[in-house]
Protein backbone atom coordinates (compact mmCIF):
# COMPACT_ATOMS: atom_id res chain seq x y z
CA UNK A 1 -32.14 -22.61 20.71
CA UNK A 2 -28.39 -23.05 20.21
CA UNK A 3 -25.85 -21.25 22.30
CA UNK A 4 -23.35 -19.21 20.35
CA UNK A 5 -19.66 -19.97 20.84
CA UNK A 6 -17.05 -17.23 20.57
CA UNK A 7 -13.77 -17.49 18.70
CA UNK A 8 -11.25 -14.65 19.20
CA UNK A 9 -8.71 -13.60 16.55
CA UNK A 10 -5.85 -11.52 18.01
CA UNK A 11 -4.10 -9.84 15.06
CA UNK A 12 -3.04 -6.22 14.55
CA UNK A 13 -2.16 -6.45 10.83
CA UNK A 14 -5.39 -5.56 9.03
CA UNK A 15 -4.85 -7.51 5.77
CA UNK A 16 -3.80 -10.62 7.70
CA UNK A 17 -6.73 -10.24 10.08
CA UNK A 18 -9.16 -9.96 7.13
CA UNK A 19 -7.59 -13.05 5.54
CA UNK A 20 -7.95 -15.11 8.74
CA UNK A 21 -11.49 -13.97 9.48
CA UNK A 22 -12.56 -14.49 5.86
CA UNK A 23 -11.29 -18.07 6.00
CA UNK A 24 -12.96 -18.71 9.35
CA UNK A 25 -16.28 -17.43 8.01
CA UNK A 26 -16.04 -20.06 5.26
CA UNK A 27 -15.52 -23.03 7.59
CA UNK A 28 -17.00 -22.30 11.02
CA UNK A 29 -20.38 -23.51 12.17
CA UNK A 30 -23.12 -20.89 12.09
CA UNK A 31 -23.30 -20.81 15.90
CA UNK A 32 -19.65 -19.70 16.23
CA UNK A 33 -19.22 -15.92 16.51
CA UNK A 34 -15.89 -14.33 15.56
CA UNK A 35 -14.53 -11.45 17.63
CA UNK A 36 -11.26 -9.66 16.89
CA UNK A 37 -8.72 -7.81 19.00
CA UNK A 38 -5.72 -5.82 17.82
CA UNK A 39 -3.69 -5.61 21.03
CA UNK A 40 -2.86 -7.27 24.32
CA UNK A 41 -5.22 -4.95 26.18
CA UNK A 42 -8.20 -5.51 23.89
CA UNK A 43 -7.63 -9.30 23.86
CA UNK A 44 -7.59 -9.40 27.67
CA UNK A 45 -10.79 -7.31 27.73
CA UNK A 46 -12.57 -9.82 25.45
CA UNK A 47 -11.25 -12.82 27.38
CA UNK A 48 -12.35 -11.22 30.66
CA UNK A 49 -15.87 -10.41 29.51
CA UNK A 50 -16.86 -13.28 27.21
CA UNK A 51 -16.75 -17.05 27.27
CA UNK A 52 -14.24 -17.63 24.46
CA UNK A 53 -13.83 -21.24 23.31
CA UNK A 54 -10.84 -20.72 20.99
CA UNK A 55 -8.24 -18.03 20.33
CA UNK A 56 -6.02 -17.53 17.28
CA UNK A 57 -3.05 -15.51 18.58
CA UNK A 58 -0.42 -13.57 16.66
CA UNK A 59 2.87 -13.45 18.55
CA UNK A 60 3.82 -9.88 17.71
CA UNK A 61 1.17 -7.41 18.84
CA UNK A 62 1.17 -3.96 20.46
CA UNK A 63 0.13 -3.40 24.05
CA UNK A 64 -2.74 -1.02 23.18
CA UNK A 65 -4.97 -0.53 20.13
CA UNK A 66 -3.51 2.12 17.83
CA UNK A 67 -6.92 3.60 16.95
CA UNK A 68 -7.94 4.07 20.59
CA UNK A 69 -4.63 5.60 21.67
CA UNK A 70 -3.66 8.33 19.18
CA UNK A 71 -0.14 8.53 20.60
CA UNK A 72 0.36 4.97 19.47
CA UNK A 73 -0.19 1.53 20.87
CA UNK A 74 3.43 0.84 21.53
CA UNK A 75 5.72 -1.18 19.35
CA UNK A 76 4.63 -4.70 18.48
CA UNK A 77 6.15 -6.99 21.07
CA UNK A 78 7.47 -10.45 20.22
CA UNK A 79 6.24 -11.59 23.61
CA UNK A 80 2.81 -9.88 23.38
CA UNK A 81 1.20 -13.05 22.07
CA UNK A 82 2.89 -15.07 24.79
CA UNK A 83 1.38 -12.72 27.38
CA UNK A 84 -2.08 -13.44 25.95
CA UNK A 85 -1.39 -17.19 26.08
CA UNK A 86 -0.31 -16.85 29.72
CA UNK A 87 -3.50 -14.92 30.49
CA UNK A 88 -5.58 -17.68 28.87
CA UNK A 89 -3.66 -20.25 30.93
CA UNK A 90 -4.16 -18.52 34.26
CA UNK A 91 -7.53 -16.80 33.86
CA UNK A 92 -9.69 -19.16 31.78
CA UNK A 93 -10.70 -22.73 32.44
CA UNK A 94 -11.51 -24.17 29.02
CA UNK A 95 -10.29 -21.73 26.33
CA UNK A 96 -8.05 -23.39 23.75
CA UNK A 97 -5.50 -21.50 21.66
CA UNK A 98 -3.16 -21.67 18.72
CA UNK A 99 -0.45 -19.30 17.51
CA UNK A 100 -0.72 -18.19 13.88
CA UNK A 101 2.30 -16.10 12.93
CA UNK A 102 4.27 -15.11 9.88
CA UNK A 103 7.52 -14.43 11.74
CA UNK A 104 10.47 -16.79 11.71
CA UNK A 105 12.03 -15.75 15.04
CA UNK A 106 10.47 -15.03 18.42
CA UNK A 107 11.30 -13.79 21.89
CA UNK A 108 8.99 -14.99 24.67
CA UNK A 109 10.35 -12.70 27.38
CA UNK A 110 12.50 -9.59 27.47
CA UNK A 111 16.17 -10.50 27.47
CA UNK A 112 15.59 -14.05 26.25
CA UNK A 113 17.26 -15.58 23.19
CA UNK A 114 15.33 -15.75 19.92
CA UNK A 115 13.57 -18.98 18.99
CA UNK A 116 12.52 -20.40 15.63
CA UNK A 117 8.88 -21.63 15.25
CA UNK A 118 9.75 -25.15 16.47
CA UNK A 119 11.62 -23.76 19.47
CA UNK A 120 8.72 -21.43 20.18
CA UNK A 121 6.23 -24.31 20.14
CA UNK A 122 8.44 -26.41 22.43
CA UNK A 123 8.86 -23.53 24.89
CA UNK A 124 5.14 -22.76 24.94
CA UNK A 125 4.17 -26.42 25.32
CA UNK A 126 6.49 -26.72 28.32
CA UNK A 127 4.97 -23.62 29.92
CA UNK A 128 1.28 -24.01 29.04
CA UNK A 129 -1.21 -26.84 29.50
CA UNK A 130 -2.85 -29.05 26.88
CA UNK A 131 -5.25 -26.25 25.86
CA UNK A 132 -2.37 -24.73 23.84
CA UNK A 133 -2.64 -26.54 20.51
CA UNK A 134 0.50 -25.42 18.67
CA UNK A 135 2.15 -22.94 16.32
CA UNK A 136 1.05 -22.51 12.71
CA UNK A 137 3.13 -20.55 10.22
CA UNK A 138 1.13 -17.99 8.22
CA UNK A 139 2.57 -17.68 4.72
CA UNK A 140 0.17 -15.62 2.64
CA UNK A 141 -3.57 -15.47 2.27
CA UNK A 142 -3.92 -18.91 0.66
CA UNK A 143 -1.06 -20.75 2.39
CA UNK A 144 -0.94 -24.16 4.05
CA UNK A 145 -1.91 -22.52 7.36
CA UNK A 146 -5.54 -22.77 6.25
CA UNK A 147 -5.51 -26.58 6.27
CA UNK A 148 -3.62 -26.74 9.58
CA UNK A 149 -6.08 -24.40 11.27
CA UNK A 150 -9.07 -26.18 9.74
CA UNK A 151 -7.86 -29.54 11.08
CA UNK A 152 -7.60 -28.13 14.61
CA UNK A 153 -11.06 -26.55 14.40
CA UNK A 154 -12.52 -29.80 13.03
CA UNK A 155 -11.11 -31.70 16.04
CA UNK A 156 -12.83 -29.15 18.28
CA UNK A 157 -16.11 -29.61 16.36
CA UNK A 158 -16.26 -25.91 15.46
CA UNK A 159 -16.53 -26.35 11.68
CA UNK A 160 -19.42 -27.23 9.42
CA UNK A 161 -19.34 -30.89 8.45
CA UNK A 162 -16.45 -31.45 6.03
């Protein structure tokens, strides 16, 4: 009997989330389960209750799920994804992560200057350990991000044989 591995997709934009999950379903091994979260709170809940091997993190997410909190989940925060990455760093032992974002500028902390994707990756690499695997730019459903993400997942042996 094989043990199922869990991959978490943290993305609050429904079309983008469907695009990412659809692609993952095409390439992942059959023993890899995909779970999704739409906010910081729901991502932390998954990471706290399941053994997640890999997380695809969007940088701009709300604090709470919009559906569960009718008053709103808060505005998407440029540092929301960074907070998830910090949680992974401090509260998990083996979970690996990558940022997949369509934005061109980011703020990691309130009051901090904006960074471009390269600056974001440098800042995150200096703050996080080797389990953070980089920043991928999402540019449409069929963009180059697919190949970049596939290469990372192949290195982690999470895909079907190429």
